[in-house]
């Protein structure tokens, strides 16, 4: 007789109801507004630690969203529906993301936190010309792998970047490193 316990985790996906419950406690929903009307007005969304595997299209209702907390979930990729033109802060640390993608429509993004994921190539940052802080430290990589920086992405973000936080086990591309440091005198690289 087999007494082993098998855990079957259901996939957790966002919903309009979850989004409405995940807003700031300061600004509660007016009951005369529909959930969709309410979501159009919010600026901060707290979807951290919800065991989310996927963020659905309902996020597009949040057109005034400036800050999105998605850390400590089970996301395997950056959500494809992030065409949120007002977003300035995106917190995706401690997920299972392996590739930086779906960020091209976030032209106002200033802070991007991707620490503690599974990313080995820093790419897909073209168009993020207002990015000031990028955190990609503590990636969960296979032995022998190290963080690699794509030249086009570095060129794109070098103008405004103030903080680049990363962990690198192999020598970093010194030429690009100097471009970033020289772009702003207050840049800190850790």
Protein backbone atom coordinates (compact mmCIF):
# COMPACT_ATOMS: atom_id res chain seq x y z
CA UNK A 1 0.00 0.00 0.00
CA UNK A 2 1.43 3.35 -1.07
CA UNK A 3 1.07 6.02 1.60
CA UNK A 4 2.89 8.76 -0.28
CA UNK A 5 1.11 12.07 -0.39
CA UNK A 6 0.73 13.64 -3.78
CA UNK A 7 0.18 17.38 -3.90
CA UNK A 8 -1.55 18.66 -6.95
CA UNK A 9 -1.32 22.43 -7.15
CA UNK A 10 -3.98 24.09 -9.22
CA UNK A 11 -2.90 26.84 -11.53
CA UNK A 12 -3.72 30.24 -10.02
CA UNK A 13 -4.69 32.99 -12.44
CA UNK A 14 -5.76 36.55 -11.74
CA UNK A 15 -9.37 37.70 -11.99
CA UNK A 16 -11.26 40.98 -11.80
CA UNK A 17 -12.36 40.07 -8.26
CA UNK A 18 -8.76 39.39 -7.18
CA UNK A 19 -7.60 42.68 -8.68
CA UNK A 20 -10.32 44.59 -6.80
CA UNK A 21 -9.28 42.95 -3.51
CA UNK A 22 -5.61 43.77 -4.13
CA UNK A 23 -5.71 47.54 -4.14
CA UNK A 24 -4.61 49.97 -1.47
CA UNK A 25 -6.59 49.90 1.76
CA UNK A 26 -6.66 53.70 1.68
CA UNK A 27 -8.83 53.85 -1.43
CA UNK A 28 -11.64 51.34 -1.11
CA UNK A 29 -14.08 50.69 -3.90
CA UNK A 30 -17.21 52.84 -4.07
CA UNK A 31 -20.11 50.37 -4.27
CA UNK A 32 -21.83 52.48 -6.93
CA UNK A 33 -18.99 51.72 -9.35
CA UNK A 34 -18.66 48.44 -11.20
CA UNK A 35 -15.43 46.51 -10.57
CA UNK A 36 -14.28 47.45 -14.07
CA UNK A 37 -14.88 51.18 -13.42
CA UNK A 38 -13.04 50.90 -10.13
CA UNK A 39 -10.02 49.20 -11.71
CA UNK A 40 -9.74 52.01 -14.27
CA UNK A 41 -9.05 54.44 -11.40
CA UNK A 42 -6.45 52.63 -9.29
CA UNK A 43 -2.77 53.53 -9.27
CA UNK A 44 -1.29 50.73 -7.10
CA UNK A 45 -2.00 47.01 -7.29
CA UNK A 46 -0.74 44.52 -4.69
CA UNK A 47 -0.67 41.07 -6.28
CA UNK A 48 2.36 39.90 -4.32
CA UNK A 49 2.32 36.53 -2.54
CA UNK A 50 -0.89 35.32 -4.25
CA UNK A 51 0.67 32.13 -5.73
CA UNK A 52 -0.13 33.45 -9.20
CA UNK A 53 1.01 31.37 -12.15
CA UNK A 54 -0.43 33.77 -14.69
CA UNK A 55 -1.67 37.33 -14.95
CA UNK A 56 -4.65 37.53 -17.29
CA UNK A 57 -5.95 40.17 -19.66
CA UNK A 58 -8.05 41.83 -16.93
CA UNK A 59 -4.91 43.75 -15.94
CA UNK A 60 -5.53 45.91 -19.03
CA UNK A 61 -8.48 47.45 -17.16
CA UNK A 62 -5.98 49.18 -14.86
CA UNK A 63 -4.98 51.92 -17.30
CA UNK A 64 -3.94 54.39 -14.56
CA UNK A 65 -1.76 51.86 -12.79
CA UNK A 66 1.64 53.26 -11.85
CA UNK A 67 2.90 50.62 -9.40
CA UNK A 68 2.43 46.86 -9.78
CA UNK A 69 3.58 44.42 -7.09
CA UNK A 70 3.86 40.88 -8.48
CA UNK A 71 6.70 39.56 -6.34
CA UNK A 72 6.66 36.22 -4.49
CA UNK A 73 4.45 34.38 -6.98
CA UNK A 74 4.99 31.50 -9.42
CA UNK A 75 5.13 33.46 -12.68
CA UNK A 76 7.24 31.72 -15.33
CA UNK A 77 7.19 34.69 -17.70
CA UNK A 78 6.57 38.41 -17.63
CA UNK A 79 2.86 38.84 -18.30
CA UNK A 80 2.03 39.53 -21.93
CA UNK A 81 -0.76 41.97 -21.09
CA UNK A 82 1.45 44.63 -19.54
CA UNK A 83 0.54 47.38 -22.00
CA UNK A 84 0.11 49.78 -19.09
CA UNK A 85 1.47 53.07 -20.40
CA UNK A 86 1.46 54.81 -16.99
CA UNK A 87 3.41 52.08 -15.12
CA UNK A 88 6.53 53.44 -13.40
CA UNK A 89 7.37 50.64 -10.91
CA UNK A 90 7.24 46.90 -11.58
CA UNK A 91 8.16 44.41 -8.86
CA UNK A 92 8.64 40.87 -10.21
CA UNK A 93 11.27 39.50 -7.85
CA UNK A 94 11.14 35.97 -6.48
CA UNK A 95 9.20 34.28 -9.28
CA UNK A 96 10.26 31.70 -11.88
CA UNK A 97 10.83 34.08 -14.79
CA UNK A 98 13.49 32.90 -17.25
CA UNK A 99 13.32 35.61 -19.91
CA UNK A 100 12.86 39.38 -19.96
CA UNK A 101 10.09 40.15 -22.45
CA UNK A 102 6.78 42.01 -22.91
CA UNK A 103 8.14 45.31 -21.60
CA UNK A 104 8.28 47.36 -24.80
CA UNK A 105 5.06 49.29 -24.05
CA UNK A 106 6.29 50.45 -20.63
CA UNK A 107 8.00 53.65 -21.75
CA UNK A 108 7.53 55.36 -18.36
CA UNK A 109 9.02 52.49 -16.32
CA UNK A 110 11.57 53.79 -13.79
CA UNK A 111 12.09 50.78 -11.50
CA UNK A 112 12.24 47.13 -12.52
CA UNK A 113 12.90 44.48 -9.88
CA UNK A 114 13.70 41.02 -11.28
CA UNK A 115 15.89 39.61 -8.49
CA UNK A 116 15.67 35.93 -7.53
CA UNK A 117 14.30 34.56 -10.79
CA UNK A 118 15.91 32.26 -13.40
CA UNK A 119 17.16 34.87 -15.89
CA UNK A 120 20.59 34.41 -17.43
CA UNK A 121 20.45 36.98 -20.26
CA UNK A 122 19.62 40.59 -19.50
CA UNK A 123 17.79 41.57 -22.69
CA UNK A 124 14.44 42.97 -23.79
CA UNK A 125 15.00 46.36 -22.19
CA UNK A 126 14.97 48.37 -25.40
CA UNK A 127 12.48 51.21 -25.14
CA UNK A 128 12.80 51.55 -21.36
CA UNK A 129 14.51 54.92 -21.72
CA UNK A 130 13.33 56.18 -18.32
CA UNK A 131 14.58 53.15 -16.37
CA UNK A 132 16.56 54.36 -13.35
CA UNK A 133 16.79 51.21 -11.25
CA UNK A 134 17.28 47.64 -12.43
CA UNK A 135 17.69 44.79 -9.96
CA UNK A 136 18.67 41.42 -11.41
CA UNK A 137 20.69 39.98 -8.55
CA UNK A 138 20.56 36.45 -7.11
CA UNK A 139 19.30 34.64 -10.21
CA UNK A 140 18.77 30.90 -9.81
CA UNK A 141 21.10 29.63 -12.52
CA UNK A 142 22.54 26.23 -13.31
CA UNK A 143 26.14 25.59 -12.21
CA UNK A 144 28.55 27.19 -14.64
CA UNK A 145 26.00 29.70 -15.94
CA UNK A 146 26.38 33.40 -15.31
CA UNK A 147 24.52 36.58 -16.06
CA UNK A 148 25.03 37.92 -19.60
CA UNK A 149 24.13 41.47 -20.62
CA UNK A 150 22.79 42.18 -24.12
CA UNK A 151 24.52 45.21 -25.66
CA UNK A 152 21.34 46.70 -27.16
CA UNK A 153 19.53 46.56 -23.84
CA UNK A 154 22.42 48.18 -22.00
CA UNK A 155 22.68 50.94 -24.60
CA UNK A 156 18.95 51.61 -24.29
CA UNK A 157 18.90 51.98 -20.51
CA UNK A 158 22.34 53.55 -19.99
CA UNK A 159 21.15 57.16 -20.27
CA UNK A 160 18.90 57.25 -17.19
CA UNK A 161 20.07 54.26 -15.13
CA UNK A 162 21.05 55.19 -11.56
CA UNK A 163 21.20 51.76 -9.93
CA UNK A 164 22.11 48.39 -11.40
CA UNK A 165 22.09 45.58 -8.87
CA UNK A 166 23.40 42.23 -10.09
CA UNK A 167 25.49 39.27 -9.05
CA UNK A 168 28.00 38.09 -11.60
CA UNK A 169 30.38 35.16 -11.27
CA UNK A 170 32.25 35.71 -14.54
CA UNK A 171 34.02 38.91 -15.62
CA UNK A 172 31.60 41.59 -16.76
CA UNK A 173 31.95 43.35 -20.11
CA UNK A 174 34.20 46.23 -19.01
CA UNK A 175 33.42 48.44 -22.02
CA UNK A 176 29.66 48.45 -21.42
CA UNK A 177 30.24 48.73 -17.68
CA UNK A 178 32.11 52.00 -18.26
CA UNK A 179 29.37 53.35 -20.54
CA UNK A 180 26.81 52.87 -17.80
CA UNK A 181 28.99 54.35 -15.08
CA UNK A 182 29.90 57.37 -17.18
CA UNK A 183 26.30 58.06 -18.22
CA UNK A 184 25.33 59.41 -14.77
CA UNK A 185 27.74 60.43 -12.06
CA UNK A 186 25.52 59.08 -9.27
CA UNK A 187 25.21 55.53 -10.65
CA UNK A 188 25.81 52.77 -8.12
CA UNK A 189 26.72 49.29 -9.33
CA UNK A 190 26.64 46.52 -6.71
